């Protein structure tokens, strides 16, 4: 039993000596993950904005295709939507 306790103590000591290196490795991995999260967060906003503009342009294009530009009641909204489509594009 003394031998088993001694062996366990030796193994625990070896593990204790390796822990700082493992901790440093884990911290490095965490830093890399945090950097990648920042990069992803940094890209998601502009990508969402581009998608939003695309959706607006797509909706405007659909409306412009079915609207009659010669209808006097729709002329001002038609021109406004053409302008918004140009801005979006």
N, C-alpha and C. Protein backbone atom coordinates (compact mmCIF):
# COMPACT_ATOMS: atom_id res chain seq x y z
N UNK A 1 0.83 -1.18 0.00
CA UNK A 1 0.00 0.00 0.00
C UNK A 1 0.88 1.25 0.00
N UNK A 2 1.99 1.23 0.73
CA UNK A 2 2.90 2.36 0.77
C UNK A 2 3.47 2.61 -0.62
N UNK A 3 3.75 1.51 -1.32
CA UNK A 3 4.30 1.66 -2.67
C UNK A 3 3.27 2.35 -3.59
N UNK A 4 2.01 1.96 -3.50
CA UNK A 4 0.95 2.55 -4.33
C UNK A 4 0.78 4.03 -4.00
N UNK A 5 0.83 4.35 -2.72
CA UNK A 5 0.71 5.76 -2.32
C UNK A 5 1.90 6.55 -2.85
N UNK A 6 3.10 5.97 -2.77
CA UNK A 6 4.31 6.63 -3.27
C UNK A 6 4.22 6.85 -4.78
N UNK A 7 3.76 5.84 -5.50
CA UNK A 7 3.60 5.95 -6.96
C UNK A 7 2.58 7.03 -7.31
N UNK A 8 1.48 7.04 -6.58
CA UNK A 8 0.45 8.05 -6.82
C UNK A 8 1.02 9.44 -6.55
N UNK A 9 1.80 9.58 -5.50
CA UNK A 9 2.42 10.86 -5.18
C UNK A 9 3.36 11.31 -6.30
N UNK A 10 4.13 10.37 -6.85
CA UNK A 10 5.05 10.70 -7.95
C UNK A 10 4.28 11.14 -9.19
N UNK A 11 3.20 10.41 -9.49
CA UNK A 11 2.40 10.79 -10.66
C UNK A 11 1.75 12.15 -10.46
N UNK A 12 1.27 12.43 -9.25
CA UNK A 12 0.68 13.73 -8.97
C UNK A 12 1.73 14.84 -9.10
N UNK A 13 2.93 14.57 -8.66
CA UNK A 13 4.00 15.56 -8.78
C UNK A 13 4.33 15.83 -10.25
N UNK A 14 4.37 14.78 -11.07
CA UNK A 14 4.62 14.95 -12.51
C UNK A 14 3.50 15.79 -13.15
N UNK A 15 2.26 15.49 -12.77
CA UNK A 15 1.13 16.25 -13.31
C UNK A 15 1.21 17.70 -12.87
N UNK A 16 1.57 17.91 -11.64
CA UNK A 16 1.70 19.26 -11.11
C UNK A 16 2.77 20.05 -11.86
N UNK A 17 3.82 19.37 -12.27
CA UNK A 17 4.89 20.05 -13.03
C UNK A 17 4.44 20.36 -14.45
N UNK A 18 3.55 19.55 -15.01
CA UNK A 18 3.08 19.79 -16.38
C UNK A 18 1.95 20.80 -16.45
N UNK A 19 1.28 21.04 -15.34
CA UNK A 19 0.12 21.94 -15.34
C UNK A 19 0.44 23.34 -15.85
N UNK A 20 1.54 23.98 -15.46
CA UNK A 20 1.80 25.34 -15.97
C UNK A 20 1.92 25.37 -17.50
N UNK A 21 2.56 24.38 -18.08
CA UNK A 21 2.68 24.35 -19.54
C UNK A 21 1.30 24.14 -20.19
N UNK A 22 0.50 23.27 -19.61
CA UNK A 22 -0.85 23.06 -20.14
C UNK A 22 -1.70 24.31 -19.99
N UNK A 23 -1.56 24.98 -18.86
CA UNK A 23 -2.30 26.21 -18.64
C UNK A 23 -1.92 27.27 -19.66
N UNK A 24 -0.62 27.39 -19.93
CA UNK A 24 -0.16 28.36 -20.93
C UNK A 24 -0.71 28.02 -22.31
N UNK A 25 -0.72 26.73 -22.65
CA UNK A 25 -1.27 26.32 -23.95
C UNK A 25 -2.75 26.65 -24.06
N UNK A 26 -3.49 26.39 -22.99
CA UNK A 26 -4.92 26.68 -23.01
C UNK A 26 -5.16 28.17 -23.10
N UNK A 27 -4.37 28.96 -22.40
CA UNK A 27 -4.53 30.42 -22.48
C UNK A 27 -4.26 30.92 -23.90
N UNK A 28 -3.25 30.33 -24.56
CA UNK A 28 -2.95 30.72 -25.94
C UNK A 28 -4.13 30.38 -26.86
N UNK A 29 -4.73 29.23 -26.65
CA UNK A 29 -5.88 28.83 -27.45
C UNK A 29 -7.05 29.78 -27.20
N UNK A 30 -7.27 30.13 -25.94
CA UNK A 30 -8.35 31.05 -25.60
C UNK A 30 -8.14 32.41 -26.27
N UNK A 31 -6.89 32.90 -26.25
CA UNK A 31 -6.59 34.18 -26.90
C UNK A 31 -6.88 34.11 -28.39
N UNK A 32 -6.49 33.01 -29.03
CA UNK A 32 -6.76 32.86 -30.46
C UNK A 32 -8.27 32.84 -30.73
N UNK A 33 -9.01 32.15 -29.88
CA UNK A 33 -10.47 32.10 -30.06
C UNK A 33 -11.07 33.49 -29.89
N UNK A 34 -10.58 34.23 -28.90
CA UNK A 34 -11.10 35.58 -28.70
C UNK A 34 -10.77 36.48 -29.89
N UNK A 35 -9.57 36.32 -30.46
CA UNK A 35 -9.21 37.12 -31.64
C UNK A 35 -10.10 36.76 -32.81
N UNK A 36 -10.36 35.46 -33.00
CA UNK A 36 -11.23 35.05 -34.10
C UNK A 36 -12.65 35.54 -33.88
N UNK A 37 -13.10 35.54 -32.63
CA UNK A 37 -14.43 36.06 -32.33
C UNK A 37 -14.50 37.54 -32.70
N UNK A 38 -13.46 38.29 -32.38
CA UNK A 38 -13.42 39.71 -32.74
C UNK A 38 -13.48 39.87 -34.25
N UNK A 39 -12.71 39.04 -34.96
CA UNK A 39 -12.72 39.13 -36.42
C UNK A 39 -14.08 38.80 -36.98
N UNK A 40 -14.71 37.77 -36.45
CA UNK A 40 -16.04 37.39 -36.93
C UNK A 40 -17.03 38.49 -36.63
N UNK A 41 -17.00 39.01 -35.39
CA UNK A 41 -17.91 40.10 -35.03
C UNK A 41 -17.67 41.32 -35.91
N UNK A 42 -16.41 41.56 -36.25
CA UNK A 42 -16.05 42.71 -37.07
C UNK A 42 -16.59 42.58 -38.49
N UNK A 43 -16.73 41.35 -38.97
CA UNK A 43 -17.17 41.10 -40.35
C UNK A 43 -18.69 40.97 -40.44
N UNK A 44 -19.31 40.49 -39.38
CA UNK A 44 -20.74 40.21 -39.45
C UNK A 44 -21.55 41.49 -39.67
N UNK A 45 -21.18 42.58 -39.01
CA UNK A 45 -21.92 43.84 -39.17
C UNK A 45 -21.96 44.32 -40.60
N UNK A 46 -20.80 44.49 -41.25
CA UNK A 46 -20.82 44.92 -42.65
C UNK A 46 -21.53 43.93 -43.57
N UNK A 47 -21.36 42.63 -43.31
CA UNK A 47 -22.03 41.64 -44.16
C UNK A 47 -23.55 41.75 -44.01
N UNK A 48 -24.02 41.98 -42.81
CA UNK A 48 -25.46 42.15 -42.58
C UNK A 48 -25.96 43.40 -43.28
N UNK A 49 -25.15 44.46 -43.27
CA UNK A 49 -25.55 45.70 -43.94
C UNK A 49 -25.65 45.47 -45.45
N UNK A 50 -24.71 44.75 -46.02
CA UNK A 50 -24.74 44.45 -47.46
C UNK A 50 -25.99 43.63 -47.78
N UNK A 51 -26.28 42.65 -46.95
CA UNK A 51 -27.47 41.82 -47.17
C UNK A 51 -28.74 42.66 -47.08
N UNK A 52 -28.78 43.58 -46.13
CA UNK A 52 -29.93 44.46 -45.98
C UNK A 52 -30.12 45.34 -47.21
N UNK A 53 -29.04 45.90 -47.71
CA UNK A 53 -29.11 46.74 -48.92
C UNK A 53 -29.58 45.90 -50.10
N UNK A 54 -29.06 44.68 -50.20
CA UNK A 54 -29.47 43.79 -51.29
C UNK A 54 -30.98 43.51 -51.22
N UNK A 55 -31.47 43.25 -50.01
CA UNK A 55 -32.91 42.99 -49.85
C UNK A 55 -33.74 44.20 -50.24
N UNK A 56 -33.32 45.39 -49.84
CA UNK A 56 -34.03 46.61 -50.20
C UNK A 56 -34.02 46.78 -51.72
N UNK A 57 -32.85 46.60 -52.32
CA UNK A 57 -32.75 46.74 -53.77
C UNK A 57 -33.62 45.72 -54.48
N UNK A 58 -33.66 44.53 -53.98
CA UNK A 58 -34.47 43.47 -54.58
C UNK A 58 -35.96 43.82 -54.48
N UNK A 59 -36.40 44.29 -53.31
CA UNK A 59 -37.80 44.69 -53.14
C UNK A 59 -38.16 45.87 -54.04
N UNK A 60 -37.26 46.84 -54.11
CA UNK A 60 -37.52 47.99 -54.97
C UNK A 60 -37.60 47.58 -56.43
N UNK A 61 -36.70 46.71 -56.83
CA UNK A 61 -36.70 46.26 -58.22
C UNK A 61 -38.02 45.56 -58.55
N UNK A 62 -38.49 44.71 -57.64
CA UNK A 62 -39.76 44.02 -57.88
C UNK A 62 -40.91 45.03 -58.00
N UNK A 63 -40.92 46.03 -57.11
CA UNK A 63 -41.97 47.04 -57.15
C UNK A 63 -41.90 47.82 -58.45
N UNK A 64 -40.69 48.19 -58.86
CA UNK A 64 -40.52 48.98 -60.08
C UNK A 64 -40.94 48.20 -61.32
N UNK A 65 -40.75 46.91 -61.30
CA UNK A 65 -41.13 46.10 -62.45
C UNK A 65 -42.65 46.02 -62.64
N UNK A 66 -43.39 46.07 -61.54
CA UNK A 66 -44.85 45.96 -61.65
C UNK A 66 -45.54 47.32 -61.66
N UNK A 67 -44.85 48.37 -61.23
CA UNK A 67 -45.46 49.70 -61.19
C UNK A 67 -45.51 50.31 -62.58
N UNK A 68 -46.52 51.08 -62.82
CA UNK A 68 -46.68 51.78 -64.09
C UNK A 68 -46.13 53.20 -63.93
N UNK A 69 -45.00 53.53 -64.57
CA UNK A 69 -44.41 54.86 -64.39
C UNK A 69 -45.26 55.96 -65.01
N UNK A 70 -46.27 55.62 -65.85
CA UNK A 70 -47.11 56.62 -66.50
C UNK A 70 -48.34 56.96 -65.65
N UNK A 71 -48.56 56.21 -64.58
CA UNK A 71 -49.67 56.50 -63.67
C UNK A 71 -49.28 57.71 -62.83
N UNK A 72 -50.05 58.80 -62.93
CA UNK A 72 -49.69 60.05 -62.27
C UNK A 72 -49.67 59.92 -60.75
N UNK A 73 -50.49 59.04 -60.18
CA UNK A 73 -50.50 58.85 -58.73
C UNK A 73 -49.25 58.11 -58.25
N UNK A 74 -48.64 57.38 -59.13
CA UNK A 74 -47.47 56.60 -58.75
C UNK A 74 -46.15 57.23 -59.21
N UNK A 75 -46.23 58.36 -59.91
CA UNK A 75 -45.02 58.94 -60.48
C UNK A 75 -44.01 59.35 -59.41
N UNK A 76 -44.46 60.08 -58.40
CA UNK A 76 -43.52 60.53 -57.36
C UNK A 76 -42.98 59.34 -56.56
N UNK A 77 -43.84 58.41 -56.11
CA UNK A 77 -43.27 57.23 -55.43
C UNK A 77 -42.34 56.42 -56.34
N UNK A 78 -42.69 56.37 -57.63
CA UNK A 78 -41.85 55.65 -58.59
C UNK A 78 -40.47 56.30 -58.68
N UNK A 79 -40.42 57.59 -58.82
CA UNK A 79 -39.14 58.30 -58.91
C UNK A 79 -38.36 58.13 -57.60
N UNK A 80 -39.05 58.24 -56.48
CA UNK A 80 -38.39 58.07 -55.18
C UNK A 80 -37.79 56.67 -55.06
N UNK A 81 -38.54 55.68 -55.49
CA UNK A 81 -38.03 54.31 -55.38
C UNK A 81 -36.89 54.06 -56.36
N UNK A 82 -36.94 54.66 -57.54
CA UNK A 82 -35.82 54.55 -58.48
C UNK A 82 -34.57 55.16 -57.84
N UNK A 83 -34.74 56.30 -57.22
CA UNK A 83 -33.61 56.96 -56.55
C UNK A 83 -33.06 56.07 -55.44
N UNK A 84 -33.94 55.47 -54.63
CA UNK A 84 -33.49 54.59 -53.55
C UNK A 84 -32.78 53.37 -54.10
N UNK A 85 -33.28 52.85 -55.22
CA UNK A 85 -32.63 51.69 -55.85
C UNK A 85 -31.24 52.06 -56.31
N UNK A 86 -31.09 53.22 -56.94
CA UNK A 86 -29.77 53.67 -57.39
C UNK A 86 -28.82 53.83 -56.20
N UNK A 87 -29.32 54.40 -55.11
CA UNK A 87 -28.49 54.58 -53.92
C UNK A 87 -28.08 53.22 -53.35
N UNK A 88 -29.01 52.30 -53.32
CA UNK A 88 -28.72 50.98 -52.76
C UNK A 88 -27.69 50.25 -53.61
N UNK A 89 -27.84 50.38 -54.94
CA UNK A 89 -26.89 49.69 -55.81
C UNK A 89 -25.53 50.35 -55.72
